Amino acid sequence: MPYRIKSMCRSYQMACVQKMVRQSRIGGLILNATGTGKTFIAGAYFSRSTGYGVFVVDELTLLAQSQQSLSELLQEEVGVVGNQQFHPSRITVATVQTIHKHRQDLAFKRWTRKITTVFLDEIHTAMNRRNIQTVQAINPLTVFGLTATLEISKTDILVRAVSLAGPPIY
């Protein structure tokens, strides 16, 4: 992790990223409270990665906000796929709606074949057929699910989340 990012990390964020790196071939669920920097954690993970990654959101307001945050943190161009834009980069923020709608298009297939890591923001809202089909279409090496409000005490919810992203790791 670049020193600049490392120096910005809180201790719990650093611990989370270290666990994520150890789970890089499995993925998993990141359960952190609102305001604890889940997007920052994703960016810190991406800073250690040389592969392609996508940060999937389900709202246009989160598309622009996440793209700006990740771009500032990584100090690199972060692509955008959504809101009638298709400008992927090594790291891209995308709406699940756009990926799902275009998952069979040739340009999308060429882009998604490069992706090794998917972050599903707000995974507690992402456990539906559209999101599952989206992850399957990308077929990444690793999926991380981010949430502040997943009800892991409910077995059916935990099973769906684990099947989509992997076991709770932080």
N, C-alpha and C. Protein backbone atom coordinates (compact mmCIF):
# COMPACT_ATOMS: atom_id res chain seq x y z
N MET A 1 0.85 -1.17 0.00
CA MET A 1 0.00 0.00 0.00
C MET A 1 0.90 1.24 0.00
N PRO A 2 0.64 2.18 -0.88
CA PRO A 2 1.46 3.40 -0.90
C PRO A 2 1.45 4.09 0.47
N TYR A 3 2.59 4.66 0.83
CA TYR A 3 2.71 5.30 2.14
C TYR A 3 1.65 6.37 2.34
N ARG A 4 1.37 7.15 1.29
CA ARG A 4 0.38 8.23 1.39
C ARG A 4 -0.96 7.69 1.85
N ILE A 5 -1.40 6.57 1.29
CA ILE A 5 -2.67 5.97 1.68
C ILE A 5 -2.56 5.33 3.06
N LYS A 6 -1.45 4.66 3.28
CA LYS A 6 -1.24 4.01 4.58
C LYS A 6 -1.30 5.05 5.70
N SER A 7 -0.73 6.22 5.48
CA SER A 7 -0.73 7.25 6.51
C SER A 7 -2.12 7.84 6.75
N MET A 8 -3.03 7.66 5.80
CA MET A 8 -4.39 8.15 5.95
C MET A 8 -5.31 7.14 6.63
N CYS A 9 -4.87 5.88 6.70
CA CYS A 9 -5.70 4.80 7.23
C CYS A 9 -5.82 4.88 8.75
N ARG A 10 -7.03 4.65 9.21
CA ARG A 10 -7.22 4.42 10.64
C ARG A 10 -6.83 2.97 10.90
N SER A 11 -6.55 2.64 12.15
CA SER A 11 -6.06 1.29 12.47
C SER A 11 -7.06 0.21 12.07
N TYR A 12 -8.36 0.44 12.27
CA TYR A 12 -9.34 -0.58 11.90
C TYR A 12 -9.44 -0.72 10.38
N GLN A 13 -9.23 0.37 9.65
CA GLN A 13 -9.25 0.29 8.19
C GLN A 13 -8.06 -0.52 7.69
N MET A 14 -6.90 -0.29 8.30
CA MET A 14 -5.70 -1.05 7.94
C MET A 14 -5.90 -2.53 8.24
N ALA A 15 -6.47 -2.84 9.39
CA ALA A 15 -6.73 -4.24 9.75
C ALA A 15 -7.68 -4.89 8.76
N CYS A 16 -8.70 -4.15 8.35
CA CYS A 16 -9.67 -4.67 7.38
C CYS A 16 -8.99 -4.95 6.04
N VAL A 17 -8.22 -4.01 5.54
CA VAL A 17 -7.54 -4.19 4.25
C VAL A 17 -6.59 -5.38 4.32
N GLN A 18 -5.88 -5.54 5.42
CA GLN A 18 -4.97 -6.68 5.56
C GLN A 18 -5.73 -8.00 5.50
N LYS A 19 -6.90 -8.06 6.14
CA LYS A 19 -7.71 -9.28 6.05
C LYS A 19 -8.22 -9.50 4.63
N MET A 20 -8.59 -8.42 3.96
CA MET A 20 -9.06 -8.53 2.58
C MET A 20 -7.96 -9.07 1.67
N VAL A 21 -6.75 -8.58 1.86
CA VAL A 21 -5.63 -9.05 1.04
C VAL A 21 -5.43 -10.55 1.26
N ARG A 22 -5.55 -10.99 2.50
CA ARG A 22 -5.42 -12.44 2.77
C ARG A 22 -6.57 -13.23 2.14
N GLN A 23 -7.71 -12.60 1.94
CA GLN A 23 -8.88 -13.25 1.35
C GLN A 23 -9.02 -12.96 -0.15
N SER A 24 -7.97 -12.47 -0.77
CA SER A 24 -8.04 -12.00 -2.16
C SER A 24 -8.53 -13.04 -3.15
N ARG A 25 -8.40 -14.30 -2.84
CA ARG A 25 -8.88 -15.33 -3.77
C ARG A 25 -10.24 -15.88 -3.37
N ILE A 26 -10.78 -15.35 -2.26
CA ILE A 26 -12.07 -15.83 -1.76
C ILE A 26 -13.10 -14.72 -1.73
N GLY A 27 -12.70 -13.54 -1.31
CA GLY A 27 -13.63 -12.43 -1.13
C GLY A 27 -14.29 -12.51 0.23
N GLY A 28 -15.32 -11.73 0.42
CA GLY A 28 -16.02 -11.78 1.69
C GLY A 28 -16.82 -10.53 1.98
N LEU A 29 -17.44 -10.55 3.14
CA LEU A 29 -18.31 -9.47 3.58
C LEU A 29 -17.56 -8.55 4.53
N ILE A 30 -17.71 -7.26 4.30
CA ILE A 30 -17.13 -6.24 5.16
C ILE A 30 -18.30 -5.52 5.82
N LEU A 31 -18.45 -5.71 7.12
CA LEU A 31 -19.55 -5.11 7.86
C LEU A 31 -18.99 -4.00 8.74
N ASN A 32 -19.16 -2.77 8.30
CA ASN A 32 -18.67 -1.61 9.03
C ASN A 32 -19.81 -0.60 9.15
N ALA A 33 -19.83 0.09 10.26
CA ALA A 33 -20.87 1.08 10.51
C ALA A 33 -20.81 2.22 9.50
N THR A 34 -21.92 2.90 9.34
CA THR A 34 -21.99 4.07 8.48
C THR A 34 -20.94 5.09 8.94
N GLY A 35 -20.23 5.66 7.98
CA GLY A 35 -19.24 6.68 8.29
C GLY A 35 -17.86 6.16 8.64
N THR A 36 -17.65 4.86 8.52
CA THR A 36 -16.34 4.30 8.88
C THR A 36 -15.40 4.17 7.68
N GLY A 37 -15.84 4.60 6.51
CA GLY A 37 -14.95 4.64 5.36
C GLY A 37 -14.90 3.38 4.52
N LYS A 38 -16.06 2.83 4.20
CA LYS A 38 -16.07 1.61 3.39
C LYS A 38 -15.52 1.87 1.99
N THR A 39 -15.83 3.01 1.40
CA THR A 39 -15.28 3.35 0.08
C THR A 39 -13.78 3.54 0.18
N PHE A 40 -13.33 4.16 1.25
CA PHE A 40 -11.89 4.33 1.48
C PHE A 40 -11.21 2.97 1.58
N ILE A 41 -11.82 2.05 2.30
CA ILE A 41 -11.27 0.70 2.44
C ILE A 41 -11.14 0.03 1.07
N ALA A 42 -12.17 0.18 0.24
CA ALA A 42 -12.10 -0.38 -1.11
C ALA A 42 -10.95 0.26 -1.88
N GLY A 43 -10.80 1.57 -1.77
CA GLY A 43 -9.70 2.26 -2.45
C GLY A 43 -8.34 1.81 -1.95
N ALA A 44 -8.22 1.63 -0.64
CA ALA A 44 -6.95 1.15 -0.08
C ALA A 44 -6.63 -0.25 -0.61
N TYR A 45 -7.66 -1.09 -0.73
CA TYR A 45 -7.45 -2.42 -1.31
C TYR A 45 -7.02 -2.29 -2.77
N PHE A 46 -7.73 -1.47 -3.54
CA PHE A 46 -7.38 -1.27 -4.95
C PHE A 46 -5.95 -0.75 -5.11
N SER A 47 -5.49 0.06 -4.14
CA SER A 47 -4.13 0.61 -4.24
C SER A 47 -3.07 -0.47 -4.16
N ARG A 48 -3.42 -1.60 -3.58
CA ARG A 48 -2.49 -2.73 -3.45
C ARG A 48 -2.63 -3.70 -4.62
N SER A 49 -3.61 -3.48 -5.45
CA SER A 49 -3.92 -4.39 -6.55
C SER A 49 -3.36 -3.84 -7.86
N THR A 50 -2.93 -4.74 -8.71
CA THR A 50 -2.49 -4.32 -10.04
C THR A 50 -3.55 -4.64 -11.09
N GLY A 51 -4.56 -5.39 -10.70
CA GLY A 51 -5.59 -5.80 -11.64
C GLY A 51 -6.70 -4.77 -11.79
N TYR A 52 -7.67 -5.15 -12.61
CA TYR A 52 -8.84 -4.31 -12.84
C TYR A 52 -9.88 -4.57 -11.76
N GLY A 53 -10.57 -3.52 -11.37
CA GLY A 53 -11.61 -3.66 -10.37
C GLY A 53 -12.78 -2.75 -10.67
N VAL A 54 -13.93 -3.14 -10.13
CA VAL A 54 -15.12 -2.32 -10.29
C VAL A 54 -15.81 -2.19 -8.93
N PHE A 55 -16.23 -0.97 -8.64
CA PHE A 55 -16.97 -0.64 -7.43
C PHE A 55 -18.41 -0.42 -7.87
N VAL A 56 -19.29 -1.35 -7.53
CA VAL A 56 -20.67 -1.34 -8.03
C VAL A 56 -21.59 -0.66 -7.03
N VAL A 57 -22.33 0.33 -7.50
CA VAL A 57 -23.30 1.07 -6.69
C VAL A 57 -24.68 0.92 -7.32
N ASP A 58 -25.70 1.29 -6.56
CA ASP A 58 -27.05 1.17 -7.13
C ASP A 58 -27.79 2.50 -7.23
N GLU A 59 -27.08 3.61 -7.04
CA GLU A 59 -27.70 4.93 -7.16
C GLU A 59 -26.77 5.86 -7.91
N LEU A 60 -27.35 6.75 -8.73
CA LEU A 60 -26.53 7.69 -9.49
C LEU A 60 -25.76 8.65 -8.59
N THR A 61 -26.36 9.02 -7.45
CA THR A 61 -25.64 9.92 -6.54
C THR A 61 -24.37 9.25 -6.01
N LEU A 62 -24.44 7.96 -5.77
CA LEU A 62 -23.26 7.22 -5.30
C LEU A 62 -22.24 7.03 -6.42
N LEU A 63 -22.69 7.01 -7.67
CA LEU A 63 -21.79 6.84 -8.81
C LEU A 63 -20.77 7.97 -8.83
N ALA A 64 -21.24 9.20 -8.85
CA ALA A 64 -20.35 10.35 -8.92
C ALA A 64 -19.53 10.50 -7.64
N GLN A 65 -20.18 10.32 -6.50
CA GLN A 65 -19.50 10.48 -5.21
C GLN A 65 -18.38 9.46 -5.05
N SER A 66 -18.65 8.19 -5.38
CA SER A 66 -17.65 7.14 -5.23
C SER A 66 -16.51 7.31 -6.23
N GLN A 67 -16.85 7.71 -7.45
CA GLN A 67 -15.84 7.92 -8.48
C GLN A 67 -14.88 9.02 -8.05
N GLN A 68 -15.39 10.10 -7.53
CA GLN A 68 -14.55 11.21 -7.08
C GLN A 68 -13.68 10.79 -5.89
N SER A 69 -14.29 10.11 -4.92
CA SER A 69 -13.53 9.68 -3.73
C SER A 69 -12.39 8.73 -4.10
N LEU A 70 -12.70 7.73 -4.93
CA LEU A 70 -11.67 6.76 -5.32
C LEU A 70 -10.57 7.41 -6.16
N SER A 71 -10.96 8.30 -7.05
CA SER A 71 -9.98 8.99 -7.89
C SER A 71 -9.02 9.83 -7.06
N GLU A 72 -9.57 10.55 -6.08
CA GLU A 72 -8.72 11.37 -5.20
C GLU A 72 -7.80 10.49 -4.37
N LEU A 73 -8.31 9.42 -3.84
CA LEU A 73 -7.51 8.54 -3.01
C LEU A 73 -6.41 7.85 -3.81
N LEU A 74 -6.78 7.28 -4.95
CA LEU A 74 -5.83 6.52 -5.75
C LEU A 74 -4.90 7.40 -6.59
N GLN A 75 -5.29 8.65 -6.75
CA GLN A 75 -4.56 9.58 -7.61
C GLN A 75 -4.36 9.00 -9.01
N GLU A 76 -5.45 8.47 -9.54
CA GLU A 76 -5.48 7.97 -10.90
C GLU A 76 -6.89 8.16 -11.44
N GLU A 77 -7.00 8.11 -12.74
CA GLU A 77 -8.33 8.23 -13.34
C GLU A 77 -9.15 7.00 -12.98
N VAL A 78 -10.32 7.24 -12.45
CA VAL A 78 -11.24 6.16 -12.13
C VAL A 78 -12.38 6.26 -13.14
N GLY A 79 -12.64 5.16 -13.82
CA GLY A 79 -13.65 5.15 -14.86
C GLY A 79 -15.07 5.21 -14.33
N VAL A 80 -15.99 5.47 -15.25
CA VAL A 80 -17.41 5.53 -14.92
C VAL A 80 -18.18 4.72 -15.95
N VAL A 81 -19.06 3.85 -15.45
CA VAL A 81 -19.98 3.11 -16.31
C VAL A 81 -21.35 3.26 -15.67
N GLY A 82 -22.17 4.06 -16.31
CA GLY A 82 -23.50 4.34 -15.79
C GLY A 82 -23.92 5.74 -16.17
N ASN A 83 -25.18 6.05 -15.98
CA ASN A 83 -25.72 7.38 -16.31
C ASN A 83 -25.38 7.74 -17.75
N GLN A 84 -25.55 6.79 -18.64
CA GLN A 84 -25.32 6.91 -20.08
C GLN A 84 -23.86 7.14 -20.44
N GLN A 85 -22.96 6.70 -19.57
CA GLN A 85 -21.52 6.82 -19.82
C GLN A 85 -20.90 5.42 -19.83
N PHE A 86 -19.95 5.23 -20.72
CA PHE A 86 -19.17 3.99 -20.74
C PHE A 86 -17.71 4.37 -20.92
N HIS A 87 -17.06 4.65 -19.80
CA HIS A 87 -15.66 5.06 -19.79
C HIS A 87 -14.91 4.24 -18.73
N PRO A 88 -14.75 2.94 -18.97
CA PRO A 88 -14.05 2.12 -17.97
C PRO A 88 -12.56 2.43 -17.92
N SER A 89 -11.97 2.12 -16.79
CA SER A 89 -10.54 2.28 -16.57
C SER A 89 -10.07 1.11 -15.73
N ARG A 90 -8.83 1.16 -15.25
CA ARG A 90 -8.34 0.06 -14.40
C ARG A 90 -9.27 -0.12 -13.21
N ILE A 91 -9.62 0.97 -12.56
CA ILE A 91 -10.62 0.96 -11.50
C ILE A 91 -11.81 1.77 -12.02
N THR A 92 -12.99 1.21 -11.88
CA THR A 92 -14.20 1.84 -12.43
C THR A 92 -15.30 1.78 -11.39
N VAL A 93 -16.09 2.84 -11.34
CA VAL A 93 -17.32 2.84 -10.55
C VAL A 93 -18.45 2.68 -11.55
N ALA A 94 -19.37 1.76 -11.24
CA ALA A 94 -20.44 1.45 -12.18
C ALA A 94 -21.76 1.25 -11.44
N THR A 95 -22.84 1.56 -12.12
CA THR A 95 -24.15 1.23 -11.55
C THR A 95 -24.49 -0.20 -11.94
N VAL A 96 -25.08 -0.89 -11.02
CA VAL A 96 -25.48 -2.27 -11.29
C VAL A 96 -26.52 -2.31 -12.40
N GLN A 97 -27.35 -1.30 -12.47
CA GLN A 97 -28.39 -1.26 -13.51
C GLN A 97 -27.77 -1.24 -14.90
N THR A 98 -26.73 -0.43 -15.09
CA THR A 98 -26.08 -0.33 -16.41
C THR A 98 -25.36 -1.62 -16.76
N ILE A 99 -24.62 -2.16 -15.81
CA ILE A 99 -23.90 -3.42 -16.10
C ILE A 99 -24.90 -4.51 -16.44
N HIS A 100 -25.96 -4.62 -15.67
CA HIS A 100 -26.95 -5.66 -15.92
C HIS A 100 -27.61 -5.48 -17.28
N LYS A 101 -27.98 -4.27 -17.60
CA LYS A 101 -28.67 -3.99 -18.87
C LYS A 101 -27.79 -4.34 -20.07
N HIS A 102 -26.49 -4.09 -19.95
CA HIS A 102 -25.59 -4.26 -21.09
C HIS A 102 -24.66 -5.47 -20.96
N ARG A 103 -24.95 -6.36 -20.02
CA ARG A 103 -24.02 -7.46 -19.74
C ARG A 103 -23.76 -8.38 -20.93
N GLN A 104 -24.63 -8.37 -21.93
CA GLN A 104 -24.42 -9.21 -23.11
C GLN A 104 -23.77 -8.44 -24.28
N ASP A 105 -23.62 -7.12 -24.14
CA ASP A 105 -23.01 -6.31 -25.20
C ASP A 105 -21.52 -6.63 -25.32
N LEU A 106 -21.02 -6.63 -26.52
CA LEU A 106 -19.63 -6.98 -26.77
C LEU A 106 -18.64 -6.07 -26.03
N ALA A 107 -18.86 -4.76 -26.05
CA ALA A 107 -17.95 -3.83 -25.37
C ALA A 107 -17.92 -4.11 -23.86
N PHE A 108 -19.07 -4.40 -23.29
CA PHE A 108 -19.13 -4.72 -21.87
C PHE A 108 -18.42 -6.04 -21.58
N LYS A 109 -18.63 -7.02 -22.44
CA LYS A 109 -17.96 -8.31 -22.22
C LYS A 109 -16.45 -8.17 -22.28
N ARG A 110 -15.94 -7.38 -23.23
CA ARG A 110 -14.49 -7.16 -23.32
C ARG A 110 -13.96 -6.51 -22.04
N TRP A 111 -14.71 -5.52 -21.53
CA TRP A 111 -14.30 -4.84 -20.31
C TRP A 111 -14.38 -5.78 -19.11
N THR A 112 -15.50 -6.48 -18.95
CA THR A 112 -15.70 -7.29 -17.75
C THR A 112 -14.75 -8.49 -17.69
N ARG A 113 -14.26 -8.95 -18.84
CA ARG A 113 -13.30 -10.06 -18.82
C ARG A 113 -12.00 -9.69 -18.13
N LYS A 114 -11.69 -8.41 -18.06
CA LYS A 114 -10.46 -7.93 -17.41
C LYS A 114 -10.60 -7.81 -15.90
N ILE A 115 -11.83 -7.74 -15.41
CA ILE A 115 -12.08 -7.44 -14.00
C ILE A 115 -11.75 -8.64 -13.12
N THR A 116 -10.91 -8.38 -12.12
CA THR A 116 -10.57 -9.44 -11.16
C THR A 116 -11.28 -9.25 -9.83
N THR A 117 -11.63 -8.00 -9.49
CA THR A 117 -12.24 -7.72 -8.19
C THR A 117 -13.49 -6.86 -8.34
N VAL A 118 -14.55 -7.30 -7.68
CA VAL A 118 -15.80 -6.54 -7.64
C VAL A 118 -16.11 -6.20 -6.19
N PHE A 119 -16.42 -4.93 -5.95
CA PHE A 119 -16.96 -4.49 -4.67
C PHE A 119 -18.42 -4.19 -4.89
N LEU A 120 -19.28 -4.79 -4.08
CA LEU A 120 -20.71 -4.51 -4.11
C LEU A 120 -21.02 -3.60 -2.93
N ASP A 121 -21.23 -2.32 -3.22
CA ASP A 121 -21.56 -1.38 -2.17
C ASP A 121 -23.00 -1.63 -1.72
N GLU A 122 -23.22 -1.50 -0.43
CA GLU A 122 -24.56 -1.70 0.14
C GLU A 122 -25.11 -3.07 -0.24
N ILE A 123 -24.35 -4.12 0.04
CA ILE A 123 -24.74 -5.47 -0.36
C ILE A 123 -26.08 -5.90 0.23
N HIS A 124 -26.47 -5.29 1.33
CA HIS A 124 -27.76 -5.65 1.92
C HIS A 124 -28.93 -5.34 0.97
N THR A 125 -28.70 -4.43 0.01
CA THR A 125 -29.74 -4.15 -1.00
C THR A 125 -29.46 -4.89 -2.30
N ALA A 126 -28.34 -5.60 -2.36
CA ALA A 126 -27.89 -6.20 -3.63
C ALA A 126 -28.17 -7.69 -3.76
N MET A 127 -28.90 -8.26 -2.85
CA MET A 127 -29.10 -9.70 -2.90
C MET A 127 -30.37 -10.06 -3.65
N ASN A 128 -30.37 -9.71 -4.92
CA ASN A 128 -31.51 -10.03 -5.78
C ASN A 128 -31.00 -10.61 -7.09
N ARG A 129 -31.91 -11.05 -7.90
CA ARG A 129 -31.54 -11.74 -9.15
C ARG A 129 -30.67 -10.87 -10.05
N ARG A 130 -31.01 -9.59 -10.18
CA ARG A 130 -30.24 -8.70 -11.06
C ARG A 130 -28.77 -8.64 -10.64
N ASN A 131 -28.53 -8.48 -9.36
CA ASN A 131 -27.16 -8.37 -8.88
C ASN A 131 -26.42 -9.69 -8.99
N ILE A 132 -27.10 -10.78 -8.73
CA ILE A 132 -26.47 -12.09 -8.88
C ILE A 132 -26.10 -12.32 -10.34
N GLN A 133 -26.99 -12.01 -11.26
CA GLN A 133 -26.70 -12.16 -12.69
C GLN A 133 -25.56 -11.24 -13.12
N THR A 134 -25.49 -10.07 -12.54
CA THR A 134 -24.42 -9.13 -12.86
C THR A 134 -23.07 -9.69 -12.44
N VAL A 135 -22.98 -10.20 -11.21
CA VAL A 135 -21.72 -10.78 -10.73
C VAL A 135 -21.36 -12.00 -11.58
N GLN A 136 -22.35 -12.82 -11.90
CA GLN A 136 -22.09 -14.00 -12.74
C GLN A 136 -21.59 -13.60 -14.12
N ALA A 137 -22.13 -12.53 -14.68
CA ALA A 137 -21.70 -12.08 -16.01
C ALA A 137 -20.25 -11.59 -15.98
N ILE A 138 -19.87 -10.94 -14.90
CA ILE A 138 -18.48 -10.47 -14.77
C ILE A 138 -17.56 -11.64 -14.47
N ASN A 139 -17.99 -12.53 -13.59
CA ASN A 139 -17.22 -13.71 -13.19
C ASN A 139 -15.83 -13.34 -12.67
N PRO A 140 -15.79 -12.47 -11.65
CA PRO A 140 -14.48 -12.04 -11.15
C PRO A 140 -13.83 -13.09 -10.27
N LEU A 141 -12.56 -12.91 -10.03
CA LEU A 141 -11.83 -13.77 -9.11
C LEU A 141 -12.35 -13.56 -7.68
N THR A 142 -12.62 -12.29 -7.34
CA THR A 142 -12.96 -11.92 -5.97
C THR A 142 -14.15 -10.97 -5.94
N VAL A 143 -15.05 -11.19 -4.97
CA VAL A 143 -16.17 -10.28 -4.71
C VAL A 143 -16.13 -9.92 -3.23
N PHE A 144 -16.17 -8.62 -2.97
CA PHE A 144 -16.31 -8.13 -1.60
C PHE A 144 -17.64 -7.40 -1.50
N GLY A 145 -18.39 -7.68 -0.44
CA GLY A 145 -19.65 -6.99 -0.19
C GLY A 145 -19.47 -6.03 0.98
N LEU A 146 -19.89 -4.79 0.79
CA LEU A 146 -19.78 -3.77 1.82
C LEU A 146 -21.16 -3.43 2.36
N THR A 147 -21.28 -3.32 3.67
CA THR A 147 -22.57 -2.95 4.25
C THR A 147 -22.41 -2.47 5.69
N ALA A 148 -23.36 -1.68 6.09
CA ALA A 148 -23.44 -1.27 7.50
C ALA A 148 -24.63 -1.93 8.17
N THR A 149 -25.54 -2.49 7.37
CA THR A 149 -26.82 -2.92 7.95
C THR A 149 -27.25 -4.33 7.58
N LEU A 150 -26.34 -5.22 7.29
CA LEU A 150 -26.72 -6.58 6.96
C LEU A 150 -27.15 -7.32 8.23
N GLU A 151 -28.30 -7.94 8.16
CA GLU A 151 -28.82 -8.67 9.32
C GLU A 151 -28.28 -10.10 9.32
N ILE A 152 -27.02 -10.25 9.75
CA ILE A 152 -26.38 -11.56 9.68
C ILE A 152 -26.95 -12.55 10.69
N SER A 153 -27.74 -12.07 11.63
CA SER A 153 -28.37 -13.00 12.57
C SER A 153 -29.51 -13.76 11.91
N LYS A 154 -29.97 -13.29 10.75
CA LYS A 154 -31.02 -13.99 10.00
C LYS A 154 -30.35 -14.92 9.00
N THR A 155 -30.52 -16.21 9.20
CA THR A 155 -29.82 -17.22 8.42
C THR A 155 -30.04 -17.06 6.92
N ASP A 156 -31.27 -16.81 6.48
CA ASP A 156 -31.52 -16.70 5.04
C ASP A 156 -30.77 -15.52 4.43
N ILE A 157 -30.67 -14.43 5.15
CA ILE A 157 -29.95 -13.26 4.64
C ILE A 157 -28.45 -13.54 4.61
N LEU A 158 -27.93 -14.14 5.66
CA LEU A 158 -26.51 -14.46 5.70
C LEU A 158 -26.12 -15.43 4.58
N VAL A 159 -26.94 -16.44 4.35
CA VAL A 159 -26.65 -17.42 3.30
C VAL A 159 -26.61 -16.75 1.93
N ARG A 160 -27.57 -15.87 1.64
CA ARG A 160 -27.58 -15.18 0.35
C ARG A 160 -26.36 -14.27 0.19
N ALA A 161 -26.01 -13.56 1.26
CA ALA A 161 -24.85 -12.66 1.19
C ALA A 161 -23.56 -13.44 1.00
N VAL A 162 -23.41 -14.53 1.73
CA VAL A 162 -22.21 -15.36 1.62
C VAL A 162 -22.12 -15.98 0.23
N SER A 163 -23.24 -16.42 -0.32
CA SER A 163 -23.20 -17.02 -1.66
C SER A 163 -22.83 -15.99 -2.73
N LEU A 164 -23.11 -14.73 -2.47
CA LEU A 164 -22.79 -13.68 -3.44
C LEU A 164 -21.36 -13.16 -3.28
N ALA A 165 -20.90 -13.01 -2.03
CA ALA A 165 -19.61 -12.35 -1.81
C ALA A 165 -18.60 -13.15 -1.01
N GLY A 166 -19.04 -14.15 -0.29
CA GLY A 166 -18.11 -14.90 0.56
C GLY A 166 -18.41 -14.65 2.02
N PRO A 167 -17.64 -15.26 2.89
CA PRO A 167 -17.92 -15.22 4.33
C PRO A 167 -17.60 -13.84 4.95
N PRO A 168 -18.19 -13.54 6.10
CA PRO A 168 -17.80 -12.30 6.78
C PRO A 168 -16.32 -12.36 7.14
N ILE A 169 -15.59 -11.30 6.78
CA ILE A 169 -14.17 -11.26 7.12
C ILE A 169 -13.81 -10.08 8.00
N TYR A 170 -14.70 -9.09 8.06
CA TYR A 170 -14.44 -7.97 8.95
C TYR A 170 -15.74 -7.32 9.32
